Amino acid sequence: MLTRMESDSMGMLEVEKDAYYGVQTLRAKRNFSITGQTMHQELIISLAKLKKAAAITNRSGGMLSSTIANAIIKASDEIIAGKLHNEFIVDAIQGGAGTSANMNANEVIANRAIEILGGEKGDYSIVHPNDHVNMAQSTNDVFPSAGKLAVVTLLPKTIYQLERLDAALMKKSFEFDHIIKMGRTQLQDAVPMRLGQSFHAYSSVIKRDIERLIRVEKTMHTFNMGATAIGSGINVSPIYFDNIAQNVSLVCNDKFYQAEDLFDATQNLDGFVEVSAALKICAVNISKICNDLRLLSSGPKTGLAEINLPAMQNGSSIMPGKVNPVIPEVVSQVAFNIIGNDITITMAAESGQMELNAFEPVLFYKLFESIETLKAAAATLVDNCILGISANEERCSELLNASVGISTALCPHIGYKKSAEIAKESLKTGISVKQLVLEKGLLNSSQLKIILNPIIMTEPQSDLKKMAI
């Protein structure tokens, strides 16, 4: 293997001759063999976007020659387009508050810029990773800002899949709206409801999750570019300071804002915690829905069996014909992982000291995982489960008629005590609630026809009047 010699403040090191990364990246590669995974590609692209915007800003202010700036911009554009990502070799979890990730970007861009200008990789007299690519920047403003750019790119894709989930649930709510079933509290019979109401409730909670995620995505548009090391903007020209946010916005084709308090924006990561919290809440809600789907489809002969989930694969290596609710199961497992990731993200944000948080690498690693796995979980839940759900209308009716839950509707007419007695006797004797009420002369058949009408029991009376109108 041919090599070139590079040096940094730690000394000399041999780097592979054709590598676009340099000595600092290679040291980090050797120091941080943690996950076996490199940085997320959207974080790589976001770093390149910030480097491009910085070069544009420094060029316009006369701090960087057009020749060098244009080469940096061209190299950054190539990375934004998906090239050279294999040259980003630093582990996703790394010490140093992201310095290794930032230097990986600086070195790759510098060496590609050198190549564009006709030089040989490693000849930093042409384009220098720190002096030119990292001009007016610090890891401490670049890395957290890149994290925000990545979230802004990733989150809408997850929101889109959740919108598909909402639409699928709403479709089922209409499809099943005529089916009366027994509602349950604490897994015990409660009062009648429509199957469509169950799915409408699922849709409602997903809508709230979408609204939360849209809100937190907006907070990611404020960053600390221009803060450099701790928020004071040391080594930053007035032109750069005043224009970097505008140029990042132009590069990203989205509006980004410089934080009012750059010391705060450099040391505090609560915005990322808020994103994670919204993802966790959504994970909790989506897993609860999956719990319900598994219960409602349980059996199919000895459980509730009020709905059928699509059969996706064999469910057992020993029991022939067994089919398991594998899609709700995998979605719940994604939820468990997201909830665990939220703890890691919370601790990473809490553990910062003084003017900087050193634990952004693990925070980003887990946050990006949560965003992407929630997206994938929502997609498989829609495509491989929700759209294919069917209802067992006869089974719903059978369980409804066998239940004593309808006795709740008698309370306003014969009182709670009498209603409870009727319910207990029905359970003991197997005689229906309606028959017992008639036998005891508590109400007549005309009254019971109205009182025990399942449809009437599924809506507030004012809503029923609206429906009738």
Protein backbone atom coordinates (compact mmCIF):
# COMPACT_ATOMS: atom_id res chain seq x y z
CA MET A 1 0.00 0.00 0.00
CA LEU A 2 1.38 3.39 -1.01
CA THR A 3 1.29 6.03 1.73
CA ARG A 4 1.94 9.69 2.31
CA MET A 5 3.26 11.27 5.50
CA GLU A 6 1.08 13.77 7.32
CA SER A 7 1.64 15.58 10.58
CA ASP A 8 -0.45 17.23 13.24
CA SER A 9 0.29 18.49 16.76
CA MET A 10 0.56 14.85 17.88
CA GLY A 11 3.33 14.04 15.39
CA MET A 12 3.74 12.22 12.07
CA LEU A 13 1.52 9.47 10.70
CA GLU A 14 1.38 7.44 7.50
CA VAL A 15 -1.89 7.91 5.58
CA GLU A 16 -2.92 5.87 2.59
CA LYS A 17 -1.79 7.81 -0.48
CA ASP A 18 -5.15 7.78 -2.25
CA ALA A 19 -7.20 8.60 0.85
CA TYR A 20 -9.06 11.90 0.93
CA TYR A 21 -9.11 11.89 4.73
CA GLY A 22 -5.99 12.90 6.61
CA VAL A 23 -4.00 12.39 9.78
CA GLN A 24 -6.60 13.61 12.29
CA THR A 25 -9.31 11.43 10.79
CA LEU A 26 -7.02 8.40 10.85
CA ARG A 27 -6.18 8.95 14.52
CA ALA A 28 -9.88 9.14 15.31
CA LYS A 29 -10.54 5.96 13.33
CA ARG A 30 -7.99 4.15 15.48
CA ASN A 31 -9.20 5.66 18.74
CA PHE A 32 -12.94 5.11 18.31
CA SER A 33 -13.73 1.58 17.23
CA ILE A 34 -17.10 1.57 18.97
CA THR A 35 -20.21 0.85 16.89
CA GLY A 36 -18.74 -0.34 13.63
CA GLN A 37 -20.88 2.31 11.97
CA THR A 38 -19.73 5.62 10.54
CA MET A 39 -21.62 8.90 10.62
CA HIS A 40 -25.12 9.01 9.19
CA GLN A 41 -25.04 10.07 5.54
CA GLU A 42 -27.34 13.02 6.26
CA LEU A 43 -24.88 14.27 8.87
CA ILE A 44 -22.08 14.00 6.28
CA ILE A 45 -24.18 15.95 3.76
CA SER A 46 -25.07 18.54 6.38
CA LEU A 47 -21.41 19.07 7.25
CA ALA A 48 -20.66 19.59 3.54
CA LYS A 49 -23.52 22.11 3.26
CA LEU A 50 -22.12 24.13 6.15
CA LYS A 51 -18.61 24.03 4.68
CA LYS A 52 -19.99 25.25 1.36
CA ALA A 53 -21.93 28.07 3.02
CA ALA A 54 -18.86 29.07 5.04
CA ALA A 55 -16.69 29.18 1.89
CA ILE A 56 -19.28 31.34 0.11
CA THR A 57 -19.44 33.71 3.09
CA ASN A 58 -15.67 33.93 3.52
CA ARG A 59 -15.25 34.54 -0.22
CA SER A 60 -17.78 37.38 -0.22
CA GLY A 61 -16.00 38.97 2.73
CA GLY A 62 -12.60 38.76 1.05
CA MET A 63 -11.18 36.42 3.70
CA LEU A 64 -10.84 33.54 1.25
CA SER A 65 -9.62 33.80 -2.33
CA SER A 66 -12.11 32.91 -5.03
CA THR A 67 -9.79 30.16 -6.29
CA ILE A 68 -9.67 28.33 -2.97
CA ALA A 69 -13.30 29.08 -2.10
CA ASN A 70 -14.57 27.79 -5.44
CA ALA A 71 -12.59 24.57 -5.07
CA ILE A 72 -14.01 24.06 -1.56
CA ILE A 73 -17.52 24.74 -2.86
CA LYS A 74 -17.08 22.25 -5.72
CA ALA A 75 -15.72 19.57 -3.37
CA SER A 76 -18.60 20.20 -0.95
CA ASP A 77 -21.12 19.91 -3.78
CA GLU A 78 -19.74 16.51 -4.69
CA ILE A 79 -20.24 15.29 -1.13
CA ILE A 80 -23.74 16.78 -1.03
CA ALA A 81 -24.44 14.80 -4.22
CA GLY A 82 -23.42 11.57 -2.45
CA LYS A 83 -19.80 11.21 -3.54
CA LEU A 84 -16.81 10.45 -1.27
CA HIS A 85 -19.00 9.25 1.61
CA ASN A 86 -16.77 6.20 1.97
CA GLU A 87 -13.98 8.62 2.97
CA PHE A 88 -15.89 9.50 6.15
CA ILE A 89 -14.48 6.75 8.33
CA VAL A 90 -14.89 8.06 11.87
CA ASP A 91 -17.15 6.03 14.16
CA ALA A 92 -20.60 7.48 14.87
CA ILE A 93 -19.81 7.52 18.61
CA GLN A 94 -16.59 9.39 19.29
CA GLY A 95 -14.92 11.44 21.97
CA GLY A 96 -14.11 15.11 21.43
CA ALA A 97 -17.57 16.64 20.98
CA GLY A 98 -17.56 15.86 17.26
CA THR A 99 -14.11 17.30 16.48
CA SER A 100 -13.16 14.10 14.65
CA ALA A 101 -16.29 14.29 12.51
CA ASN A 102 -15.64 17.94 11.69
CA MET A 103 -11.99 17.26 10.84
CA ASN A 104 -13.00 14.29 8.71
CA ALA A 105 -15.11 16.70 6.66
CA ASN A 106 -12.38 19.36 6.62
CA GLU A 107 -9.73 16.91 5.42
CA VAL A 108 -11.85 15.22 2.76
CA ILE A 109 -12.99 18.57 1.35
CA ALA A 110 -9.47 20.01 1.50
CA ASN A 111 -7.89 17.07 -0.30
CA ARG A 112 -10.59 17.00 -2.97
CA ALA A 113 -10.19 20.78 -3.41
CA ILE A 114 -6.42 20.31 -3.74
CA GLU A 115 -7.06 17.69 -6.41
CA ILE A 116 -9.47 20.04 -8.24
CA LEU A 117 -6.73 22.69 -8.25
CA GLY A 118 -4.21 20.26 -9.74
CA GLY A 119 -2.26 19.41 -6.60
CA GLU A 120 -1.61 16.15 -4.81
CA LYS A 121 -3.54 15.00 -1.76
CA GLY A 122 -1.82 16.02 1.44
CA ASP A 123 -0.29 19.21 0.03
CA TYR A 124 -2.05 21.52 2.46
CA SER A 125 -0.08 24.53 1.25
CA ILE A 126 -2.72 24.67 -1.52
CA VAL A 127 -5.88 24.17 0.58
CA HIS A 128 -5.63 23.66 4.34
CA PRO A 129 -8.29 21.73 6.32
CA ASN A 130 -8.21 24.18 9.24
CA ASP A 131 -7.09 27.48 7.77
CA HIS A 132 -9.32 27.36 4.69
CA VAL A 133 -12.11 24.76 4.95
CA ASN A 134 -12.69 25.45 8.66
CA MET A 135 -12.21 29.21 8.39
CA ALA A 136 -14.38 31.19 10.86
CA GLN A 137 -15.71 27.94 12.30
CA SER A 138 -15.29 25.62 15.23
CA THR A 139 -16.49 22.07 15.72
CA ASN A 140 -18.57 23.58 18.49
CA ASP A 141 -20.80 25.51 16.10
CA VAL A 142 -20.47 23.32 13.00
CA PHE A 143 -21.27 19.94 14.55
CA PRO A 144 -24.48 20.83 16.43
CA SER A 145 -25.65 22.89 13.46
CA ALA A 146 -25.03 19.94 11.15
CA GLY A 147 -27.09 17.80 13.51
CA LYS A 148 -29.98 20.23 13.17
CA LEU A 149 -29.73 20.30 9.38
CA ALA A 150 -29.83 16.50 9.37
CA VAL A 151 -32.92 16.40 11.60
CA VAL A 152 -34.66 18.94 9.35
CA THR A 153 -33.97 16.63 6.38
CA LEU A 154 -34.92 13.36 8.07
CA LEU A 155 -37.96 14.31 10.13
CA PRO A 156 -40.35 15.23 7.28
CA LYS A 157 -39.94 11.74 5.82
CA THR A 158 -41.07 10.26 9.12
CA ILE A 159 -43.95 12.72 9.34
CA TYR A 160 -45.03 11.67 5.85
CA GLN A 161 -45.25 8.01 6.88
CA LEU A 162 -47.24 8.98 9.98
CA GLU A 163 -49.62 10.95 7.75
CA ARG A 164 -50.08 7.79 5.68
CA LEU A 165 -50.80 5.89 8.90
CA ASP A 166 -53.35 8.51 9.95
CA ALA A 167 -55.08 8.26 6.56
CA ALA A 168 -55.16 4.45 6.69
CA LEU A 169 -56.66 4.48 10.18
CA MET A 170 -59.28 7.01 9.13
CA LYS A 171 -60.18 4.85 6.15
CA LYS A 172 -60.77 1.90 8.47
CA SER A 173 -62.79 4.07 10.84
CA PHE A 174 -65.27 4.78 8.03
CA GLU A 175 -65.23 1.19 6.80
CA PHE A 176 -66.04 -0.18 10.28
CA ASP A 177 -68.35 2.58 11.51
CA HIS A 178 -71.50 0.45 11.25
CA ILE A 179 -70.12 -2.44 13.33
CA ILE A 180 -71.18 -2.48 16.99
CA LYS A 181 -68.84 -4.17 19.47
CA MET A 182 -68.24 -4.27 23.17
CA GLY A 183 -65.89 -1.65 24.51
CA ARG A 184 -63.53 -2.76 27.26
CA THR A 185 -61.82 -1.15 30.22
CA GLN A 186 -59.05 -2.98 32.10
CA LEU A 187 -59.67 -5.86 29.67
CA GLN A 188 -63.18 -6.31 31.07
CA ASP A 189 -66.50 -5.71 29.32
CA ALA A 190 -67.55 -2.08 29.53
CA VAL A 191 -70.19 -0.57 27.24
CA PRO A 192 -70.96 -0.84 23.52
CA MET A 193 -69.12 1.17 20.90
CA ARG A 194 -68.57 1.09 17.16
CA LEU A 195 -65.47 -0.58 15.78
CA GLY A 196 -64.99 2.51 13.64
CA GLN A 197 -64.71 4.59 16.81
CA SER A 198 -61.72 2.51 17.90
CA PHE A 199 -59.90 3.26 14.65
CA HIS A 200 -60.96 6.91 14.74
CA ALA A 201 -59.37 7.20 18.20
CA TYR A 202 -56.15 5.68 16.83
CA SER A 203 -56.20 8.26 14.05
CA SER A 204 -56.73 11.11 16.51
CA VAL A 205 -53.67 10.26 18.58
CA ILE A 206 -51.48 9.90 15.49
CA LYS A 207 -52.68 13.33 14.35
CA ARG A 208 -51.44 14.79 17.64
CA ASP A 209 -48.10 13.06 17.17
CA ILE A 210 -47.78 14.58 13.71
CA GLU A 211 -48.56 18.05 15.09
CA ARG A 212 -45.91 17.63 17.81
CA LEU A 213 -43.26 16.56 15.32
CA ILE A 214 -44.07 19.46 13.00
CA ARG A 215 -43.67 21.86 15.95
CA VAL A 216 -40.33 20.47 17.09
CA GLU A 217 -38.99 20.34 13.52
CA LYS A 218 -39.39 24.12 13.38
CA THR A 219 -37.14 24.55 16.43
CA MET A 220 -34.31 22.91 14.51
CA HIS A 221 -34.08 25.91 12.17
CA THR A 222 -32.22 28.00 14.74
CA PHE A 223 -28.52 27.19 15.10
CA ASN A 224 -25.26 28.55 16.53
CA MET A 225 -23.20 29.11 13.36
CA GLY A 226 -20.91 32.06 14.01
CA ALA A 227 -20.47 31.14 17.68
CA THR A 228 -17.18 29.30 17.03
CA ALA A 229 -15.64 27.90 20.23
CA ILE A 230 -18.00 28.92 23.03
CA GLY A 231 -20.39 31.54 21.67
CA SER A 232 -18.19 34.63 21.58
CA GLY A 233 -17.57 34.40 17.83
CA ILE A 234 -13.78 34.53 18.18
CA ASN A 235 -11.93 34.52 14.81
CA VAL A 236 -15.11 35.49 12.95
CA SER A 237 -15.30 38.58 10.75
CA PRO A 238 -18.38 40.85 10.96
CA ILE A 239 -19.27 39.98 7.36
CA TYR A 240 -19.19 36.25 8.10
CA PHE A 241 -21.12 36.67 11.35
CA ASP A 242 -23.87 38.70 9.71
CA ASN A 243 -24.24 36.53 6.59
CA ILE A 244 -23.56 32.90 7.49
CA ALA A 245 -27.20 32.11 8.37
CA GLN A 246 -28.43 33.63 5.11
CA ASN A 247 -25.92 31.61 3.08
CA VAL A 248 -26.74 28.38 4.89
CA SER A 249 -30.38 29.08 4.04
CA LEU A 250 -29.48 29.53 0.37
CA VAL A 251 -27.41 26.34 0.26
CA CYS A 252 -30.15 24.33 2.00
CA ASN A 253 -33.06 25.98 0.20
CA ASP A 254 -34.67 26.40 3.62
CA LYS A 255 -34.73 29.21 6.16
CA PHE A 256 -32.28 28.97 9.05
CA TYR A 257 -31.70 31.53 11.80
CA GLN A 258 -28.76 32.43 13.99
CA ALA A 259 -29.57 32.07 17.69
CA GLU A 260 -29.91 35.28 19.68
CA ASP A 261 -27.80 33.88 22.55
CA LEU A 262 -24.93 31.94 21.00
CA PHE A 263 -23.50 30.93 24.38
CA ASP A 264 -26.82 29.25 25.19
CA ALA A 265 -27.07 27.69 21.72
CA THR A 266 -23.55 26.26 22.00
CA GLN A 267 -23.85 24.65 25.41
CA ASN A 268 -27.48 23.49 25.58
CA LEU A 269 -29.04 20.66 23.59
CA ASP A 270 -32.61 20.86 24.86
CA GLY A 271 -33.95 21.29 21.32
CA PHE A 272 -32.75 17.79 20.45
CA VAL A 273 -34.26 16.45 23.68
CA GLU A 274 -37.57 17.98 22.63
CA VAL A 275 -37.40 16.22 19.26
CA SER A 276 -36.60 12.94 20.99
CA ALA A 277 -39.46 13.45 23.43
CA ALA A 278 -41.92 13.92 20.56
CA LEU A 279 -40.59 10.77 18.91
CA LYS A 280 -40.90 8.87 22.18
CA ILE A 281 -44.49 10.00 22.71
CA CYS A 282 -45.32 8.86 19.19
CA ALA A 283 -43.60 5.53 19.85
CA VAL A 284 -45.66 5.06 23.02
CA ASN A 285 -48.89 5.82 21.15
CA ILE A 286 -48.15 3.66 18.14
CA SER A 287 -47.16 0.73 20.37
CA LYS A 288 -50.41 1.08 22.33
CA ILE A 289 -52.32 0.87 19.05
CA CYS A 290 -50.37 -2.28 18.18
CA ASN A 291 -51.20 -3.79 21.58
CA ASP A 292 -54.88 -3.24 20.80
CA LEU A 293 -54.58 -4.76 17.35
CA ARG A 294 -52.98 -7.89 18.78
CA LEU A 295 -55.72 -8.25 21.39
CA LEU A 296 -58.58 -7.54 19.00
CA SER A 297 -57.24 -10.14 16.57
CA SER A 298 -56.33 -12.71 19.24
CA GLY A 299 -57.35 -16.31 18.72
CA PRO A 300 -58.46 -16.74 16.07
CA LYS A 301 -60.76 -19.34 17.70
CA THR A 302 -60.11 -18.88 21.41
CA GLY A 303 -59.52 -15.13 21.67
CA LEU A 304 -61.44 -11.96 20.88
CA ALA A 305 -61.12 -12.35 17.09
CA GLU A 306 -63.11 -9.19 16.39
CA ILE A 307 -60.71 -8.25 13.61
CA ASN A 308 -58.38 -10.12 11.28
CA LEU A 309 -54.84 -8.94 10.63
CA PRO A 310 -53.25 -9.79 7.28
CA ALA A 311 -51.37 -13.10 7.45
CA MET A 312 -47.79 -12.18 6.58
CA GLN A 313 -45.74 -15.32 7.32
CA ASN A 314 -45.70 -18.67 9.11
CA GLY A 315 -45.91 -18.18 12.85
CA SER A 316 -44.27 -21.29 14.19
CA SER A 317 -41.59 -23.85 13.41
CA ILE A 318 -43.56 -26.51 15.29
CA MET A 319 -47.27 -25.56 15.19
CA PRO A 320 -48.70 -25.95 11.66
CA GLY A 321 -50.97 -23.18 10.45
CA LYS A 322 -50.13 -20.78 13.24
CA VAL A 323 -49.96 -17.14 12.16
CA ASN A 324 -48.63 -14.43 14.47
CA PRO A 325 -49.22 -10.66 14.51
CA VAL A 326 -45.65 -10.01 13.39
CA ILE A 327 -46.16 -6.46 12.14
CA PRO A 328 -47.59 -5.06 15.39
CA GLU A 329 -44.87 -7.00 17.21
CA VAL A 330 -42.03 -5.43 15.24
CA VAL A 331 -43.55 -1.96 15.56
CA SER A 332 -43.70 -2.33 19.34
CA GLN A 333 -40.06 -3.42 19.38
CA VAL A 334 -39.15 -0.27 17.46
CA ALA A 335 -41.06 1.69 20.09
CA PHE A 336 -39.12 0.03 22.91
CA ASN A 337 -35.87 1.01 21.22
CA ILE A 338 -36.98 4.61 20.68
CA ILE A 339 -37.94 4.89 24.34
CA GLY A 340 -34.49 3.59 25.29
CA ASN A 341 -32.85 6.00 22.85
CA ASP A 342 -34.70 8.86 24.53
CA ILE A 343 -33.03 8.00 27.84
CA THR A 344 -29.60 8.08 26.15
CA ILE A 345 -30.41 11.41 24.48
CA THR A 346 -31.66 12.85 27.76
CA MET A 347 -28.50 11.82 29.62
CA ALA A 348 -26.27 13.11 26.82
CA ALA A 349 -27.92 16.53 26.98
CA GLU A 350 -27.84 16.61 30.78
CA SER A 351 -24.16 15.67 30.97
CA GLY A 352 -22.74 18.77 29.28
CA GLN A 353 -20.50 20.98 31.37
CA MET A 354 -19.95 24.72 31.24
CA GLU A 355 -19.74 26.17 27.70
CA LEU A 356 -19.96 22.95 25.66
CA ASN A 357 -21.65 19.58 25.55
CA ALA A 358 -19.19 16.85 24.55
CA PHE A 359 -21.80 14.15 24.06
CA GLU A 360 -23.47 15.18 20.82
CA PRO A 361 -22.09 12.19 18.85
CA VAL A 362 -24.07 9.59 20.80
CA LEU A 363 -27.07 11.93 20.91
CA PHE A 364 -27.11 12.22 17.11
CA TYR A 365 -26.48 8.48 16.67
CA LYS A 366 -29.55 7.63 18.73
CA LEU A 367 -31.73 10.50 17.51
CA PHE A 368 -31.22 9.67 13.84
CA GLU A 369 -31.92 6.01 14.61
CA SER A 370 -35.18 6.94 16.34
CA ILE A 371 -36.31 9.12 13.43
CA GLU A 372 -35.53 6.52 10.79
CA THR A 373 -36.84 3.45 12.61
CA LEU A 374 -40.10 5.23 13.46
CA LYS A 375 -40.45 6.07 9.77
CA ALA A 376 -39.88 2.43 8.78
CA ALA A 377 -42.21 1.13 11.50
CA ALA A 378 -45.04 3.43 10.42
CA ALA A 379 -44.56 2.40 6.79
CA THR A 380 -44.70 -1.34 7.49
CA LEU A 381 -47.66 -0.89 9.82
CA VAL A 382 -49.62 0.84 7.05
CA ASP A 383 -48.61 -1.36 4.13
CA ASN A 384 -48.45 -4.75 5.82
CA CYS A 385 -51.15 -4.44 8.47
CA ILE A 386 -53.65 -1.57 8.67
CA LEU A 387 -54.74 -1.52 5.03
CA GLY A 388 -55.44 -5.26 5.11
CA ILE A 389 -57.41 -5.42 8.36
CA SER A 390 -60.90 -6.89 8.08
CA ALA A 391 -63.66 -7.08 10.68
CA ASN A 392 -65.49 -10.14 12.00
CA GLU A 393 -68.89 -8.50 12.29
CA GLU A 394 -70.69 -11.62 13.49
CA ARG A 395 -68.10 -12.19 16.21
CA CYS A 396 -68.46 -8.59 17.39
CA SER A 397 -72.24 -9.06 17.59
CA GLU A 398 -71.90 -12.41 19.37
CA LEU A 399 -69.67 -10.97 22.10
CA LEU A 400 -71.84 -7.88 22.43
CA ASN A 401 -75.01 -9.91 22.95
CA ALA A 402 -73.32 -12.23 25.45
CA SER A 403 -72.06 -9.35 27.56
CA VAL A 404 -73.73 -7.77 30.57
CA GLY A 405 -72.02 -4.46 29.82
CA ILE A 406 -75.25 -3.10 28.37
CA SER A 407 -76.65 -3.06 31.92
CA THR A 408 -74.87 0.27 32.39
CA ALA A 409 -77.53 1.86 30.18
CA LEU A 410 -80.20 0.78 32.70
CA CYS A 411 -78.78 2.87 35.57
CA PRO A 412 -80.67 6.12 34.80
CA HIS A 413 -83.93 4.14 34.61
CA ILE A 414 -83.81 1.51 37.39
CA GLY A 415 -80.81 2.69 39.43
CA TYR A 416 -77.25 1.45 39.89
CA LYS A 417 -78.12 -1.19 42.54
CA LYS A 418 -80.84 -2.87 40.51
CA SER A 419 -78.69 -2.72 37.38
CA ALA A 420 -75.81 -4.41 39.23
CA GLU A 421 -78.14 -7.14 40.49
CA ILE A 422 -79.38 -7.77 36.96
CA ALA A 423 -75.80 -7.97 35.65
CA LYS A 424 -74.72 -10.44 38.32
CA GLU A 425 -77.78 -12.64 37.80
CA SER A 426 -77.22 -12.62 34.04
CA LEU A 427 -73.64 -13.76 34.51
CA LYS A 428 -74.70 -16.48 36.93
CA THR A 429 -77.69 -17.83 35.01
CA GLY A 430 -76.81 -17.05 31.42
CA ILE A 431 -80.17 -15.35 30.95
CA SER A 432 -79.81 -12.12 28.95
CA VAL A 433 -80.05 -8.75 30.67
CA LYS A 434 -83.02 -7.80 28.54
CA GLN A 435 -84.95 -10.97 29.45
CA LEU A 436 -84.32 -10.54 33.18
CA VAL A 437 -85.54 -6.92 33.12
CA LEU A 438 -88.72 -8.00 31.34
CA GLU A 439 -89.30 -10.96 33.68
CA LYS A 440 -88.99 -8.75 36.73
CA GLY A 441 -91.29 -6.13 35.23
CA LEU A 442 -88.74 -3.36 35.70
CA LEU A 443 -89.25 -1.97 32.19
CA ASN A 444 -91.40 -2.90 29.21
CA SER A 445 -90.19 -4.07 25.81
CA SER A 446 -90.80 -0.70 24.15
CA GLN A 447 -88.67 1.06 26.71
CA LEU A 448 -85.91 -1.55 26.44
CA LYS A 449 -85.90 -1.29 22.67
CA ILE A 450 -84.84 2.33 23.01
CA ILE A 451 -82.64 2.08 26.13
CA LEU A 452 -80.68 -0.98 24.97
CA ASN A 453 -80.30 0.15 21.38
CA PRO A 454 -76.52 -0.32 20.85
CA ILE A 455 -76.32 2.60 18.42
CA ILE A 456 -77.77 4.97 21.01
CA MET A 457 -75.20 3.74 23.53
CA THR A 458 -72.25 4.57 21.25
CA GLU A 459 -72.71 8.36 21.03
CA PRO A 460 -73.68 11.23 23.32
CA GLN A 461 -77.35 12.05 22.71
CA SER A 462 -76.49 15.49 21.30
CA ASP A 463 -74.25 13.84 18.71
CA LEU A 464 -77.02 11.44 17.76
CA LYS A 465 -79.37 14.33 17.20
CA LYS A 466 -76.80 15.94 14.92
CA MET A 467 -76.42 12.67 13.04
CA ALA A 468 -80.21 12.44 12.62
CA ILE A 469 -80.33 15.99 11.25
